[in-house]
C-alpha atoms as a PDB file:
ATOM      1  CA  UNK A   1     -88.305  23.379   2.254  1.00  0.00           C
ATOM      2  CA  UNK A   2     -91.199  25.795   1.739  1.00  0.00           C
ATOM      3  CA  UNK A   3     -94.702  25.490   3.187  1.00  0.00           C
ATOM      4  CA  UNK A   4     -97.711  27.785   3.144  1.00  0.00           C
ATOM      5  CA  UNK A   5    -101.120  27.277   4.787  1.00  0.00           C
ATOM      6  CA  UNK A   6    -104.260  28.359   2.900  1.00  0.00           C
ATOM      7  CA  UNK A   7    -107.994  28.233   3.609  1.00  0.00           C
ATOM      8  CA  UNK A   8    -110.521  27.074   1.042  1.00  0.00           C
ATOM      9  CA  UNK A   9    -112.730  29.630  -0.720  1.00  0.00           C
ATOM     10  CA  UNK A  10    -116.391  28.773  -1.365  1.00  0.00           C
ATOM     11  CA  UNK A  11    -117.287  29.579  -4.998  1.00  0.00           C
ATOM     12  CA  UNK A  12    -120.258  28.829  -7.327  1.00  0.00           C
ATOM     13  CA  UNK A  13    -119.654  26.284 -10.066  1.00  0.00           C
ATOM     14  CA  UNK A  14    -121.685  24.277 -12.591  1.00  0.00           C
ATOM     15  CA  UNK A  15    -125.479  24.209 -12.265  1.00  0.00           C
ATOM     16  CA  UNK A  16    -126.351  25.376  -8.741  1.00  0.00           C
ATOM     17  CA  UNK A  17    -123.220  23.955  -7.102  1.00  0.00           C
ATOM     18  CA  UNK A  18    -120.952  25.558  -4.503  1.00  0.00           C
ATOM     19  CA  UNK A  19    -117.462  24.101  -4.066  1.00  0.00           C
ATOM     20  CA  UNK A  20    -114.646  24.559  -1.549  1.00  0.00           C
ATOM     21  CA  UNK A  21    -111.840  25.698  -3.854  1.00  0.00           C
ATOM     22  CA  UNK A  22    -108.105  25.961  -3.300  1.00  0.00           C
ATOM     23  CA  UNK A  23    -107.390  27.136  -6.860  1.00  0.00           C
ATOM     24  CA  UNK A  24    -107.802  28.550  -9.461  1.00  0.00           C
ATOM     25  CA  UNK A  25    -108.645  31.850  -7.790  1.00  0.00           C
ATOM     26  CA  UNK A  26    -107.950  35.361  -9.012  1.00  0.00           C
ATOM     27  CA  UNK A  27    -105.108  35.730  -6.519  1.00  0.00           C
ATOM     28  CA  UNK A  28    -103.795  32.143  -6.828  1.00  0.00           C
ATOM     29  CA  UNK A  29    -104.325  30.468 -10.186  1.00  0.00           C
ATOM     30  CA  UNK A  30    -102.376  27.191 -10.023  1.00  0.00           C
ATOM     31  CA  UNK A  31     -99.558  25.220  -8.424  1.00  0.00           C
ATOM     32  CA  UNK A  32     -97.633  23.504 -11.241  1.00  0.00           C
ATOM     33  CA  UNK A  33     -98.458  20.765 -12.238  1.00  0.00           C
ATOM     34  CA  UNK A  34    -101.892  21.176 -10.569  1.00  0.00           C
ATOM     35  CA  UNK A  35    -104.455  23.585 -12.000  1.00  0.00           C
ATOM     36  CA  UNK A  36    -107.679  22.994 -10.042  1.00  0.00           C
ATOM     37  CA  UNK A  37    -108.689  21.616  -6.632  1.00  0.00           C
ATOM     38  CA  UNK A  38    -112.404  21.553  -5.709  1.00  0.00           C
ATOM     39  CA  UNK A  39    -114.076  19.784  -2.787  1.00  0.00           C
ATOM     40  CA  UNK A  40    -117.725  19.468  -3.798  1.00  0.00           C
ATOM     41  CA  UNK A  41    -120.916  18.366  -2.060  1.00  0.00           C
ATOM     42  CA  UNK A  42    -123.766  18.209  -4.571  1.00  0.00           C
ATOM     43  CA  UNK A  43    -127.432  17.497  -4.018  1.00  0.00           C
ATOM     44  CA  UNK A  44    -129.732  15.772  -6.532  1.00  0.00           C
ATOM     45  CA  UNK A  45    -130.795  17.799  -9.550  1.00  0.00           C
ATOM     46  CA  UNK A  46    -127.610  19.865  -9.667  1.00  0.00           C
ATOM     47  CA  UNK A  47    -124.224  19.151 -11.148  1.00  0.00           C
ATOM     48  CA  UNK A  48    -122.166  19.779 -14.264  1.00  0.00           C
ATOM     49  CA  UNK A  49    -124.085  19.437 -17.573  1.00  0.00           C
ATOM     50  CA  UNK A  50    -122.285  18.997 -20.913  1.00  0.00           C
ATOM     51  CA  UNK A  51    -119.169  21.168 -21.165  1.00  0.00           C
ATOM     52  CA  UNK A  52    -115.851  21.012 -23.081  1.00  0.00           C
ATOM     53  CA  UNK A  53    -112.262  20.523 -21.860  1.00  0.00           C
ATOM     54  CA  UNK A  54    -108.774  20.361 -23.346  1.00  0.00           C
ATOM     55  CA  UNK A  55    -105.146  20.353 -22.324  1.00  0.00           C
ATOM     56  CA  UNK A  56    -105.167  18.557 -18.949  1.00  0.00           C
ATOM     57  CA  UNK A  57    -106.159  15.454 -16.985  1.00  0.00           C
ATOM     58  CA  UNK A  58    -108.720  15.288 -14.180  1.00  0.00           C
ATOM     59  CA  UNK A  59    -109.551  12.904 -11.354  1.00  0.00           C
ATOM     60  CA  UNK A  60    -112.947  12.898  -9.641  1.00  0.00           C
ATOM     61  CA  UNK A  61    -112.731  10.910  -6.390  1.00  0.00           C
ATOM     62  CA  UNK A  62    -115.912  10.152  -4.464  1.00  0.00           C
ATOM     63  CA  UNK A  63    -116.294   9.998  -0.674  1.00  0.00           C
ATOM     64  CA  UNK A  64    -120.102   9.637  -0.591  1.00  0.00           C
ATOM     65  CA  UNK A  65    -122.974   9.393  -3.050  1.00  0.00           C
ATOM     66  CA  UNK A  66    -121.983   8.924  -6.667  1.00  0.00           C
ATOM     67  CA  UNK A  67    -121.307  10.628  -9.979  1.00  0.00           C
ATOM     68  CA  UNK A  68    -122.703   9.880 -13.430  1.00  0.00           C
ATOM     69  CA  UNK A  69    -120.158  10.483 -16.187  1.00  0.00           C
ATOM     70  CA  UNK A  70    -121.064  10.716 -19.875  1.00  0.00           C
ATOM     71  CA  UNK A  71    -118.832  11.942 -22.705  1.00  0.00           C
ATOM     72  CA  UNK A  72    -118.620  12.316 -26.476  1.00  0.00           C
ATOM     73  CA  UNK A  73    -116.179   9.383 -26.647  1.00  0.00           C
ATOM     74  CA  UNK A  74    -119.060   7.025 -25.870  1.00  0.00           C
ATOM     75  CA  UNK A  75    -118.217   6.453 -22.195  1.00  0.00           C
ATOM     76  CA  UNK A  76    -121.068   6.343 -19.695  1.00  0.00           C
ATOM     77  CA  UNK A  77    -120.509   5.204 -16.111  1.00  0.00           C
ATOM     78  CA  UNK A  78    -121.449   5.730 -12.469  1.00  0.00           C
ATOM     79  CA  UNK A  79    -118.677   6.276  -9.922  1.00  0.00           C
ATOM     80  CA  UNK A  80    -119.607   4.990  -6.457  1.00  0.00           C
ATOM     81  CA  UNK A  81    -118.145   5.901  -3.014  1.00  0.00           C
ATOM     82  CA  UNK A  82    -114.418   5.241  -2.811  1.00  0.00           C
ATOM     83  CA  UNK A  83    -114.132   5.073  -6.593  1.00  0.00           C
ATOM     84  CA  UNK A  84    -112.634   7.520  -9.061  1.00  0.00           C
ATOM     85  CA  UNK A  85    -112.732   8.507 -12.685  1.00  0.00           C
ATOM     86  CA  UNK A  86    -109.879   9.935 -14.705  1.00  0.00           C
ATOM     87  CA  UNK A  87    -110.233  11.683 -18.007  1.00  0.00           C
ATOM     88  CA  UNK A  88    -107.437  12.929 -20.202  1.00  0.00           C
ATOM     89  CA  UNK A  89    -108.894  15.833 -22.161  1.00  0.00           C
ATOM     90  CA  UNK A  90    -105.909  16.129 -24.487  1.00  0.00           C
ATOM     91  CA  UNK A  91    -106.922  17.751 -27.782  1.00  0.00           C
ATOM     92  CA  UNK A  92    -110.511  18.123 -26.576  1.00  0.00           C
ATOM     93  CA  UNK A  93    -113.613  16.353 -25.269  1.00  0.00           C
ATOM     94  CA  UNK A  94    -117.117  17.100 -24.017  1.00  0.00           C
ATOM     95  CA  UNK A  95    -118.547  15.467 -20.905  1.00  0.00           C
ATOM     96  CA  UNK A  96    -121.074  15.824 -18.101  1.00  0.00           C
ATOM     97  CA  UNK A  97    -120.886  14.909 -14.416  1.00  0.00           C
ATOM     98  CA  UNK A  98    -124.201  14.630 -12.594  1.00  0.00           C
ATOM     99  CA  UNK A  99    -124.655  13.389  -9.012  1.00  0.00           C
ATOM    100  CA  UNK A 100    -126.658  10.484  -7.648  1.00  0.00           C
ATOM    101  CA  UNK A 101    -130.430  10.948  -7.647  1.00  0.00           C
ATOM    102  CA  UNK A 102    -130.690  10.578  -3.860  1.00  0.00           C
ATOM    103  CA  UNK A 103    -128.599  12.023  -1.045  1.00  0.00           C
ATOM    104  CA  UNK A 104    -125.529  14.226  -1.304  1.00  0.00           C
ATOM    105  CA  UNK A 105    -122.536  13.395  -3.483  1.00  0.00           C
ATOM    106  CA  UNK A 106    -119.283  14.431  -1.867  1.00  0.00           C
ATOM    107  CA  UNK A 107    -115.823  14.291  -3.432  1.00  0.00           C
ATOM    108  CA  UNK A 108    -112.687  15.963  -4.747  1.00  0.00           C
ATOM    109  CA  UNK A 109    -111.997  17.041  -8.304  1.00  0.00           C
ATOM    110  CA  UNK A 110    -108.344  17.547  -9.208  1.00  0.00           C
ATOM    111  CA  UNK A 111    -106.947  18.832 -12.511  1.00  0.00           C
ATOM    112  CA  UNK A 112    -103.362  18.053 -13.550  1.00  0.00           C
ATOM    113  CA  UNK A 113    -101.722  19.960 -16.376  1.00  0.00           C
ATOM    114  CA  UNK A 114    -100.415  18.129 -19.416  1.00  0.00           C
ATOM    115  CA  UNK A 115     -96.943  19.090 -20.662  1.00  0.00           C
ATOM    116  CA  UNK A 116     -96.861  21.017 -23.928  1.00  0.00           C
ATOM    117  CA  UNK A 117     -95.707  17.936 -25.870  1.00  0.00           C
ATOM    118  CA  UNK A 118     -98.905  16.070 -24.866  1.00  0.00           C
ATOM    119  CA  UNK A 119    -101.514  18.813 -25.259  1.00  0.00           C
ATOM    120  CA  UNK A 120    -102.815  17.345 -28.529  1.00  0.00           C
ATOM    121  CA  UNK A 121    -103.008  13.665 -27.582  1.00  0.00           C
ATOM    122  CA  UNK A 122    -106.283  11.829 -28.070  1.00  0.00           C
ATOM    123  CA  UNK A 123    -108.754  12.140 -25.167  1.00  0.00           C
ATOM    124  CA  UNK A 124    -109.180   9.124 -22.909  1.00  0.00           C
ATOM    125  CA  UNK A 125    -111.258   7.928 -19.936  1.00  0.00           C
ATOM    126  CA  UNK A 126    -110.712   5.493 -17.058  1.00  0.00           C
ATOM    127  CA  UNK A 127    -112.825   4.417 -14.088  1.00  0.00           C
ATOM    128  CA  UNK A 128    -111.373   2.683 -11.007  1.00  0.00           C
ATOM    129  CA  UNK A 129    -113.690   1.278  -8.328  1.00  0.00           C
ATOM    130  CA  UNK A 130    -113.018   1.392  -4.594  1.00  0.00           C
ATOM    131  CA  UNK A 131    -111.893  -2.239  -4.251  1.00  0.00           C
ATOM    132  CA  UNK A 132    -109.245  -1.822  -6.973  1.00  0.00           C
ATOM    133  CA  UNK A 133    -107.202   0.759  -5.043  1.00  0.00           C
ATOM    134  CA  UNK A 134    -104.440  -0.580  -2.774  1.00  0.00           C
ATOM    135  CA  UNK A 135    -104.785   0.241   0.937  1.00  0.00           C
ATOM    136  CA  UNK A 136    -101.886   0.123   3.409  1.00  0.00           C
ATOM    137  CA  UNK A 137    -102.702  -0.468   7.060  1.00  0.00           C
ATOM    138  CA  UNK A 138    -100.371   1.482   9.374  1.00  0.00           C
ATOM    139  CA  UNK A 139    -100.227   1.882  13.148  1.00  0.00           C
ATOM    140  CA  UNK A 140    -103.281   3.948  14.022  1.00  0.00           C
ATOM    141  CA  UNK A 141    -104.529   4.468  10.498  1.00  0.00           C
ATOM    142  CA  UNK A 142    -104.707   3.557   6.830  1.00  0.00           C
ATOM    143  CA  UNK A 143    -103.411   4.924   3.543  1.00  0.00           C
ATOM    144  CA  UNK A 144    -105.386   4.484   0.310  1.00  0.00           C
ATOM    145  CA  UNK A 145    -103.205   4.932  -2.771  1.00  0.00           C
ATOM    146  CA  UNK A 146    -105.146   6.662  -5.533  1.00  0.00           C
ATOM    147  CA  UNK A 147    -102.174   7.379  -7.809  1.00  0.00           C
ATOM    148  CA  UNK A 148     -98.758   5.841  -7.305  1.00  0.00           C
ATOM    149  CA  UNK A 149     -97.401   2.543  -6.043  1.00  0.00           C
ATOM    150  CA  UNK A 150     -99.727  -0.317  -7.000  1.00  0.00           C
ATOM    151  CA  UNK A 151    -102.670   1.833  -8.142  1.00  0.00           C
ATOM    152  CA  UNK A 152    -104.265   1.079 -11.517  1.00  0.00           C
ATOM    153  CA  UNK A 153    -105.204   4.760 -12.022  1.00  0.00           C
ATOM    154  CA  UNK A 154    -102.753   6.136 -14.597  1.00  0.00           C
ATOM    155  CA  UNK A 155    -101.671   9.696 -15.373  1.00  0.00           C
ATOM    156  CA  UNK A 156     -99.258  11.282 -17.853  1.00  0.00           C
ATOM    157  CA  UNK A 157     -97.558  13.207 -15.008  1.00  0.00           C
ATOM    158  CA  UNK A 158     -95.661  11.647 -12.086  1.00  0.00           C
ATOM    159  CA  UNK A 159     -97.998  12.109  -9.111  1.00  0.00           C
ATOM    160  CA  UNK A 160     -98.422  10.741  -5.585  1.00  0.00           C
ATOM    161  CA  UNK A 161    -102.091  10.965  -4.540  1.00  0.00           C
ATOM    162  CA  UNK A 162    -103.247   9.390  -1.259  1.00  0.00           C
ATOM    163  CA  UNK A 163    -106.294   9.392   1.027  1.00  0.00           C
ATOM    164  CA  UNK A 164    -105.148   9.016   4.636  1.00  0.00           C
ATOM    165  CA  UNK A 165    -107.018   8.438   7.908  1.00  0.00           C
ATOM    166  CA  UNK A 166    -105.175   8.670  11.254  1.00  0.00           C
ATOM    167  CA  UNK A 167    -106.324   8.121  14.815  1.00  0.00           C
ATOM    168  CA  UNK A 168    -105.381  10.687  17.464  1.00  0.00           C
ATOM    169  CA  UNK A 169    -101.596  10.768  18.047  1.00  0.00           C
ATOM    170  CA  UNK A 170    -100.922   8.428  15.101  1.00  0.00           C
ATOM    171  CA  UNK A 171     -97.955   9.256  12.859  1.00  0.00           C
ATOM    172  CA  UNK A 172     -97.412   8.672   9.133  1.00  0.00           C
ATOM    173  CA  UNK A 173     -94.206   9.421   7.225  1.00  0.00           C
ATOM    174  CA  UNK A 174     -93.945   9.806   3.447  1.00  0.00           C
ATOM    175  CA  UNK A 175     -90.665  10.062   1.519  1.00  0.00           C
ATOM    176  CA  UNK A 176     -90.764  12.171  -1.647  1.00  0.00           C
ATOM    177  CA  UNK A 177     -88.585  13.139  -4.557  1.00  0.00           C
ATOM    178  CA  UNK A 178     -87.259  16.594  -3.552  1.00  0.00           C
ATOM    179  CA  UNK A 179     -88.370  18.074  -6.911  1.00  0.00           C
ATOM    180  CA  UNK A 180     -92.026  17.318  -6.151  1.00  0.00           C
ATOM    181  CA  UNK A 181     -94.450  19.972  -4.956  1.00  0.00           C
ATOM    182  CA  UNK A 182     -98.080  19.802  -3.959  1.00  0.00           C
ATOM    183  CA  UNK A 183    -100.819  19.905  -1.367  1.00  0.00           C
ATOM    184  CA  UNK A 184    -101.972  18.341   1.859  1.00  0.00           C
ATOM    185  CA  UNK A 185    -105.711  19.020   2.307  1.00  0.00           C
ATOM    186  CA  UNK A 186    -107.460  18.295   5.608  1.00  0.00           C
ATOM    187  CA  UNK A 187    -111.141  17.318   5.523  1.00  0.00           C
ATOM    188  CA  UNK A 188    -111.566  16.548   9.249  1.00  0.00           C
ATOM    189  CA  UNK A 189    -109.541  16.803  12.462  1.00  0.00           C
ATOM    190  CA  UNK A 190    -106.331  18.670  13.236  1.00  0.00           C
ATOM    191  CA  UNK A 191    -103.000  17.687  11.742  1.00  0.00           C
ATOM    192  CA  UNK A 192     -99.327  18.530  12.161  1.00  0.00           C
ATOM    193  CA  UNK A 193     -97.367  18.462   8.881  1.00  0.00           C
ATOM    194  CA  UNK A 194     -93.692  18.621   9.803  1.00  0.00           C
ATOM    195  CA  UNK A 195     -93.779  21.771  11.992  1.00  0.00           C
ATOM    196  CA  UNK A 196     -97.021  23.313  10.710  1.00  0.00           C
ATOM    197  CA  UNK A 197    -100.555  22.654  11.991  1.00  0.00           C
ATOM    198  CA  UNK A 198    -103.674  22.736   9.836  1.00  0.00           C
ATOM    199  CA  UNK A 199    -107.384  22.445  10.652  1.00  0.00           C
ATOM    200  CA  UNK A 200    -110.357  21.164   8.644  1.00  0.00           C
ATOM    201  CA  UNK A 201    -110.882  23.004   5.328  1.00  0.00           C
ATOM    202  CA  UNK A 202    -107.266  24.113   5.245  1.00  0.00           C
ATOM    203  CA  UNK A 203    -104.429  23.010   2.985  1.00  0.00           C
ATOM    204  CA  UNK A 204    -100.691  23.301   3.213  1.00  0.00           C
ATOM    205  CA  UNK A 205     -98.703  23.873   0.014  1.00  0.00           C
ATOM    206  CA  UNK A 206     -95.329  22.153  -0.036  1.00  0.00           C
ATOM    207  CA  UNK A 207     -92.196  22.209  -2.175  1.00  0.00           C
ATOM    208  CA  UNK A 208     -88.525  21.246  -1.860  1.00  0.00           C
ATOM    209  CA  UNK A 209     -89.196  18.606   0.788  1.00  0.00           C
ATOM    210  CA  UNK A 210     -87.997  14.995   0.747  1.00  0.00           C
ATOM    211  CA  UNK A 211     -89.857  13.774   3.865  1.00  0.00           C
ATOM    212  CA  UNK A 212     -93.304  14.601   5.215  1.00  0.00           C
ATOM    213  CA  UNK A 213     -94.200  13.647   8.786  1.00  0.00           C
ATOM    214  CA  UNK A 214     -97.888  13.719   9.702  1.00  0.00           C
ATOM    215  CA  UNK A 215     -99.121  13.563  13.295  1.00  0.00           C
ATOM    216  CA  UNK A 216    -102.835  13.653  14.106  1.00  0.00           C
ATOM    217  CA  UNK A 217    -103.655  16.049  16.948  1.00  0.00           C
ATOM    218  CA  UNK A 218    -107.091  14.405  16.870  1.00  0.00           C
ATOM    219  CA  UNK A 219    -108.684  11.845  14.569  1.00  0.00           C
ATOM    220  CA  UNK A 220    -107.924  13.203  11.086  1.00  0.00           C
ATOM    221  CA  UNK A 221    -108.753  12.521   7.438  1.00  0.00           C
ATOM    222  CA  UNK A 222    -106.737  14.152   4.676  1.00  0.00           C
ATOM    223  CA  UNK A 223    -105.512  14.038   1.091  1.00  0.00           C
ATOM    224  CA  UNK A 224    -101.872  14.133  -0.009  1.00  0.00           C
ATOM    225  CA  UNK A 225    -101.281  15.259  -3.585  1.00  0.00           C
ATOM    226  CA  UNK A 226     -97.691  15.749  -4.799  1.00  0.00           C
ATOM    227  CA  UNK A 227     -96.387  15.931  -8.349  1.00  0.00           C
ATOM    228  CA  UNK A 228     -93.401  16.783 -10.524  1.00  0.00           C
ATOM    229  CA  UNK A 229     -93.880  20.253 -12.055  1.00  0.00           C
ATOM    230  CA  UNK A 230     -93.567  20.657 -15.815  1.00  0.00           C
ATOM    231  CA  UNK A 231     -91.890  24.053 -15.502  1.00  0.00           C
ATOM    232  CA  UNK A 232     -93.910  25.441 -18.414  1.00  0.00           C
ATOM    233  CA  UNK A 233     -96.309  28.413 -18.608  1.00  0.00           C
ATOM    234  CA  UNK A 234     -99.885  27.474 -17.609  1.00  0.00           C
ATOM    235  CA  UNK A 235    -102.634  29.307 -19.482  1.00  0.00           C
ATOM    236  CA  UNK A 236    -106.057  28.626 -17.956  1.00  0.00           C
ATOM    237  CA  UNK A 237    -109.208  29.806 -19.715  1.00  0.00           C
ATOM    238  CA  UNK A 238    -112.208  28.374 -17.874  1.00  0.00           C
ATOM    239  CA  UNK A 239    -112.411  24.706 -18.922  1.00  0.00           C
ATOM    240  CA  UNK A 240    -109.285  24.889 -21.087  1.00  0.00           C
ATOM    241  CA  UNK A 241    -105.620  24.662 -20.056  1.00  0.00           C
ATOM    242  CA  UNK A 242    -103.354  25.559 -22.999  1.00  0.00           C
END
């Protein structure tokens, strides 16, 4: 088992936006199969105007506010709190993401690489609203399943993606395929992950682990994102992943 704790880095992105980024950064570009992790908080009048993508999939998951999506495939939608959108860029698409007109829009954007054999598939889009995601109630907390068991949100890569809230001293255990690797990202509180402790705005990177045990040192809210790596070279050029 290997684990490493990292802090977020605040970077400019889009039109007047600053995001808390785990990667890509000059010193840490990706974590196969994942190629971008941004925690954004966007005010009205800012956002991400029309821009192209290819070669990966992305999930935008909203905590607060909302996000307007529009693309050259003819999709136009508004993602509300607790909801998510997934696009598969494949051979290429153009889209925009602009926040709600009032208040702040807070969420996570995650990019997942496509394997080489799927780089040229047709682009695709999916929206899933809050009420459609399964939620498991556990002792002292809850687990919302964004990707995985029972979730309608579909990816081309095998991924476990969960939004977890735990009360102080509550424990949650998650069994994994040992080949998976990924991230636990803490938004609020203080959390023990196996034998490591992380604080808000920190993430722990995990591989070669078949069981994760989470214990909240105080009330905590966090994301779990684990996936099977493709084991292929990742070439990132701005909005493109070839």
